[in-house]
Amino acid sequence: MSISPPPQDYRPNVGLLVLNQEGLAWIGRRRGFRGSYCWQTPQGGIDSGEDYREAALRELAEETGIDASLVEILEQNDEWLCYDFPMSMRKNRLNNYRGQAQVWFAMRFLGDASHIRLDNHRQIEFDDWRWEKLAMLPNLVVPFKRDVYEQMAQRFSHLAAV
């Protein structure tokens, strides 16, 4: 699937919707965060020259320990979903990008809980995880990402549990 270049001033990124066999979504608690809005799905930057699908599978393994052989990619969106960093974060955030532009991948997890390893990478992103209804995800993420999560949830709702 072909997608246009990301908008200027936005960091190219992949977002991952990992669904289990029951259609529930994987969501992780960001390491060191507590309280409201400390959850998100795996996501990460696309390296220069890297294929979007390769970036999605790399980020999945880095952030969750889930090997590419344990997922089936179901769909990807065909447009960039963008969010802006709050002004307080822009100064030192990712080379002064305005925000992130994401290509989202929906995938089915074929493994079990023993295949999820949050300590799989030198930069541990999450310290806890759970399965959640897709419709609940926008309410669990930081407010500046909420619109993207709402768009993603609507786009992939036909794949998830009701």
Protein backbone atom coordinates (compact mmCIF):
# COMPACT_ATOMS: atom_id res chain seq x y z
CA MET A 1 0.00 0.00 0.00
CA SER A 2 1.35 3.38 -0.99
CA ILE A 3 1.17 6.35 1.33
CA SER A 4 2.27 9.92 0.76
CA PRO A 5 5.28 11.36 2.62
CA PRO A 6 4.51 12.51 6.18
CA PRO A 7 3.63 16.15 6.76
CA GLN A 8 6.65 18.41 7.19
CA ASP A 9 7.71 19.04 10.81
CA TYR A 10 6.20 15.74 11.98
CA ARG A 11 8.29 12.73 12.96
CA PRO A 12 7.35 9.65 10.89
CA ASN A 13 6.06 6.99 13.26
CA VAL A 14 4.17 3.70 13.37
CA GLY A 15 1.31 2.95 15.74
CA LEU A 16 0.41 -0.64 16.58
CA LEU A 17 -2.98 -2.05 17.42
CA VAL A 18 -2.36 -5.59 18.68
CA LEU A 19 -5.56 -7.60 19.06
CA ASN A 20 -5.87 -10.95 20.80
CA GLN A 21 -8.06 -13.81 19.59
CA GLU A 22 -11.05 -12.31 21.44
CA GLY A 23 -10.58 -8.96 19.69
CA LEU A 24 -9.29 -7.08 22.74
CA ALA A 25 -6.47 -4.57 22.31
CA TRP A 26 -3.03 -4.68 23.97
CA ILE A 27 -2.30 -1.57 25.98
CA GLY A 28 0.76 -0.85 28.10
CA ARG A 29 1.34 1.44 31.03
CA ARG A 30 4.18 3.83 30.26
CA ARG A 31 7.10 3.11 32.54
CA GLY A 32 7.28 5.45 35.50
CA PHE A 33 3.81 6.94 34.95
CA ARG A 34 0.82 6.50 37.26
CA GLY A 35 -2.67 7.91 37.42
CA SER A 36 -4.82 9.01 34.50
CA TYR A 37 -3.60 8.82 30.92
CA CYS A 38 -0.55 6.64 31.49
CA TRP A 39 -1.48 3.96 28.93
CA GLN A 40 -0.79 3.63 25.22
CA THR A 41 -0.28 1.05 22.51
CA PRO A 42 3.20 0.34 21.13
CA GLN A 43 4.50 3.00 18.76
CA GLY A 44 7.82 4.25 17.51
CA GLY A 45 9.84 6.08 14.92
CA ILE A 46 10.47 4.92 11.39
CA ASP A 47 14.20 4.84 10.68
CA SER A 48 15.50 6.49 7.52
CA GLY A 49 14.96 4.14 4.58
CA GLU A 50 12.99 1.67 6.69
CA ASP A 51 9.84 0.06 5.31
CA TYR A 52 6.77 0.90 7.42
CA ARG A 53 5.90 -2.75 7.95
CA GLU A 54 9.48 -3.51 9.05
CA ALA A 55 9.33 -0.56 11.46
CA ALA A 56 6.04 -1.84 12.90
CA LEU A 57 7.43 -5.33 13.53
CA ARG A 58 10.69 -3.95 14.96
CA GLU A 59 8.86 -1.64 17.36
CA LEU A 60 6.54 -4.47 18.39
CA ALA A 61 9.50 -6.67 19.32
CA GLU A 62 11.37 -3.84 21.06
CA GLU A 63 8.45 -2.64 23.16
CA THR A 64 6.57 -5.87 23.92
CA GLY A 65 8.99 -8.70 23.18
CA ILE A 66 6.45 -10.14 20.73
CA ASP A 67 8.23 -11.75 17.78
CA ALA A 68 6.99 -11.06 14.24
CA SER A 69 6.19 -14.77 13.84
CA LEU A 70 3.53 -14.39 16.54
CA VAL A 71 1.41 -11.79 14.76
CA GLU A 72 -0.60 -11.59 11.58
CA ILE A 73 -0.87 -8.10 10.10
CA LEU A 74 -4.52 -7.58 9.30
CA GLU A 75 -4.61 -4.03 7.93
CA GLN A 76 -2.82 -0.71 7.84
CA ASN A 77 -4.33 2.72 7.42
CA ASP A 78 -3.56 4.57 4.21
CA GLU A 79 -3.09 8.08 5.59
CA TRP A 80 -0.99 9.73 8.28
CA LEU A 81 -2.71 10.32 11.60
CA CYS A 82 -1.01 13.25 13.33
CA TYR A 83 -0.83 14.70 16.79
CA ASP A 84 1.01 17.76 18.04
CA PHE A 85 3.24 17.73 21.09
CA PRO A 86 2.13 20.21 23.77
CA MET A 87 4.22 23.40 23.71
CA SER A 88 5.88 22.38 26.99
CA MET A 89 7.27 19.27 25.29
CA ARG A 90 8.36 20.71 21.95
CA LYS A 91 11.56 22.44 22.97
CA ASN A 92 13.56 19.29 23.68
CA ARG A 93 11.29 16.70 22.08
CA LEU A 94 12.65 14.61 19.22
CA ASN A 95 14.71 17.20 17.37
CA ASN A 96 12.09 19.92 17.67
CA TYR A 97 9.40 18.14 15.67
CA ARG A 98 5.98 19.72 15.97
CA GLY A 99 4.49 16.28 16.62
CA GLN A 100 4.27 12.79 15.21
CA ALA A 101 2.65 11.45 12.06
CA GLN A 102 1.64 7.81 12.38
CA VAL A 103 0.85 4.96 10.04
CA TRP A 104 -1.22 2.47 12.05
CA PHE A 105 -1.07 -1.30 11.74
CA ALA A 106 -3.74 -3.64 13.11
CA MET A 107 -2.42 -7.11 13.88
CA ARG A 108 -3.68 -10.30 15.47
CA PHE A 109 -1.56 -11.73 18.30
CA LEU A 110 -1.20 -15.49 17.87
CA GLY A 111 0.79 -16.22 21.03
CA ASP A 112 0.05 -16.26 24.74
CA ALA A 113 1.02 -14.12 27.73
CA SER A 114 4.40 -15.86 28.06
CA HIS A 115 5.43 -14.33 24.71
CA ILE A 116 5.06 -10.77 26.04
CA ARG A 117 8.31 -9.46 27.55
CA LEU A 118 8.43 -5.85 28.61
CA ASP A 119 12.13 -6.13 29.52
CA ASN A 120 13.13 -7.16 26.01
CA HIS A 121 14.93 -3.96 25.04
CA ARG A 122 17.50 -1.60 26.57
CA GLN A 123 14.93 1.20 26.67
CA ILE A 124 11.96 -0.31 28.50
CA GLU A 125 8.82 1.57 27.46
CA PHE A 126 6.16 -0.16 29.58
CA ASP A 127 6.04 -1.56 33.11
CA ASP A 128 2.61 -3.23 32.91
CA TRP A 129 0.08 -4.27 30.28
CA ARG A 130 -3.44 -5.61 29.86
CA TRP A 131 -6.08 -6.45 27.24
CA GLU A 132 -8.73 -3.76 26.83
CA LYS A 133 -11.71 -3.00 24.60
CA LEU A 134 -10.64 -0.90 21.62
CA ALA A 135 -13.35 1.70 22.28
CA MET A 136 -11.79 2.39 25.72
CA LEU A 137 -8.28 3.23 24.43
CA PRO A 138 -8.89 6.92 23.62
CA ASN A 139 -9.91 7.49 27.25
CA LEU A 140 -6.67 5.98 28.60
CA VAL A 141 -4.06 7.91 26.60
CA VAL A 142 -2.70 11.41 27.18
CA PRO A 143 -5.20 13.98 25.89
CA PHE A 144 -2.95 15.27 23.08
CA LYS A 145 -3.02 11.77 21.47
CA ARG A 146 -6.74 11.18 21.98
CA ASP A 147 -7.93 12.33 18.54
CA VAL A 148 -5.50 9.96 16.80
CA TYR A 149 -6.66 7.08 19.00
CA GLU A 150 -10.30 7.89 18.21
CA GLN A 151 -9.54 7.88 14.47
CA MET A 152 -7.59 4.62 14.79
CA ALA A 153 -10.32 2.97 16.87
CA GLN A 154 -12.97 3.95 14.33
CA ARG A 155 -10.82 2.77 11.41
CA PHE A 156 -10.18 -0.69 12.91
CA SER A 157 -13.40 -1.19 14.91
CA HIS A 158 -14.60 -3.95 12.60
CA LEU A 159 -11.62 -6.09 13.72
CA ALA A 160 -12.17 -5.74 17.48
CA ALA A 161 -14.48 -7.11 20.17
CA VAL A 162 -17.71 -5.20 20.61
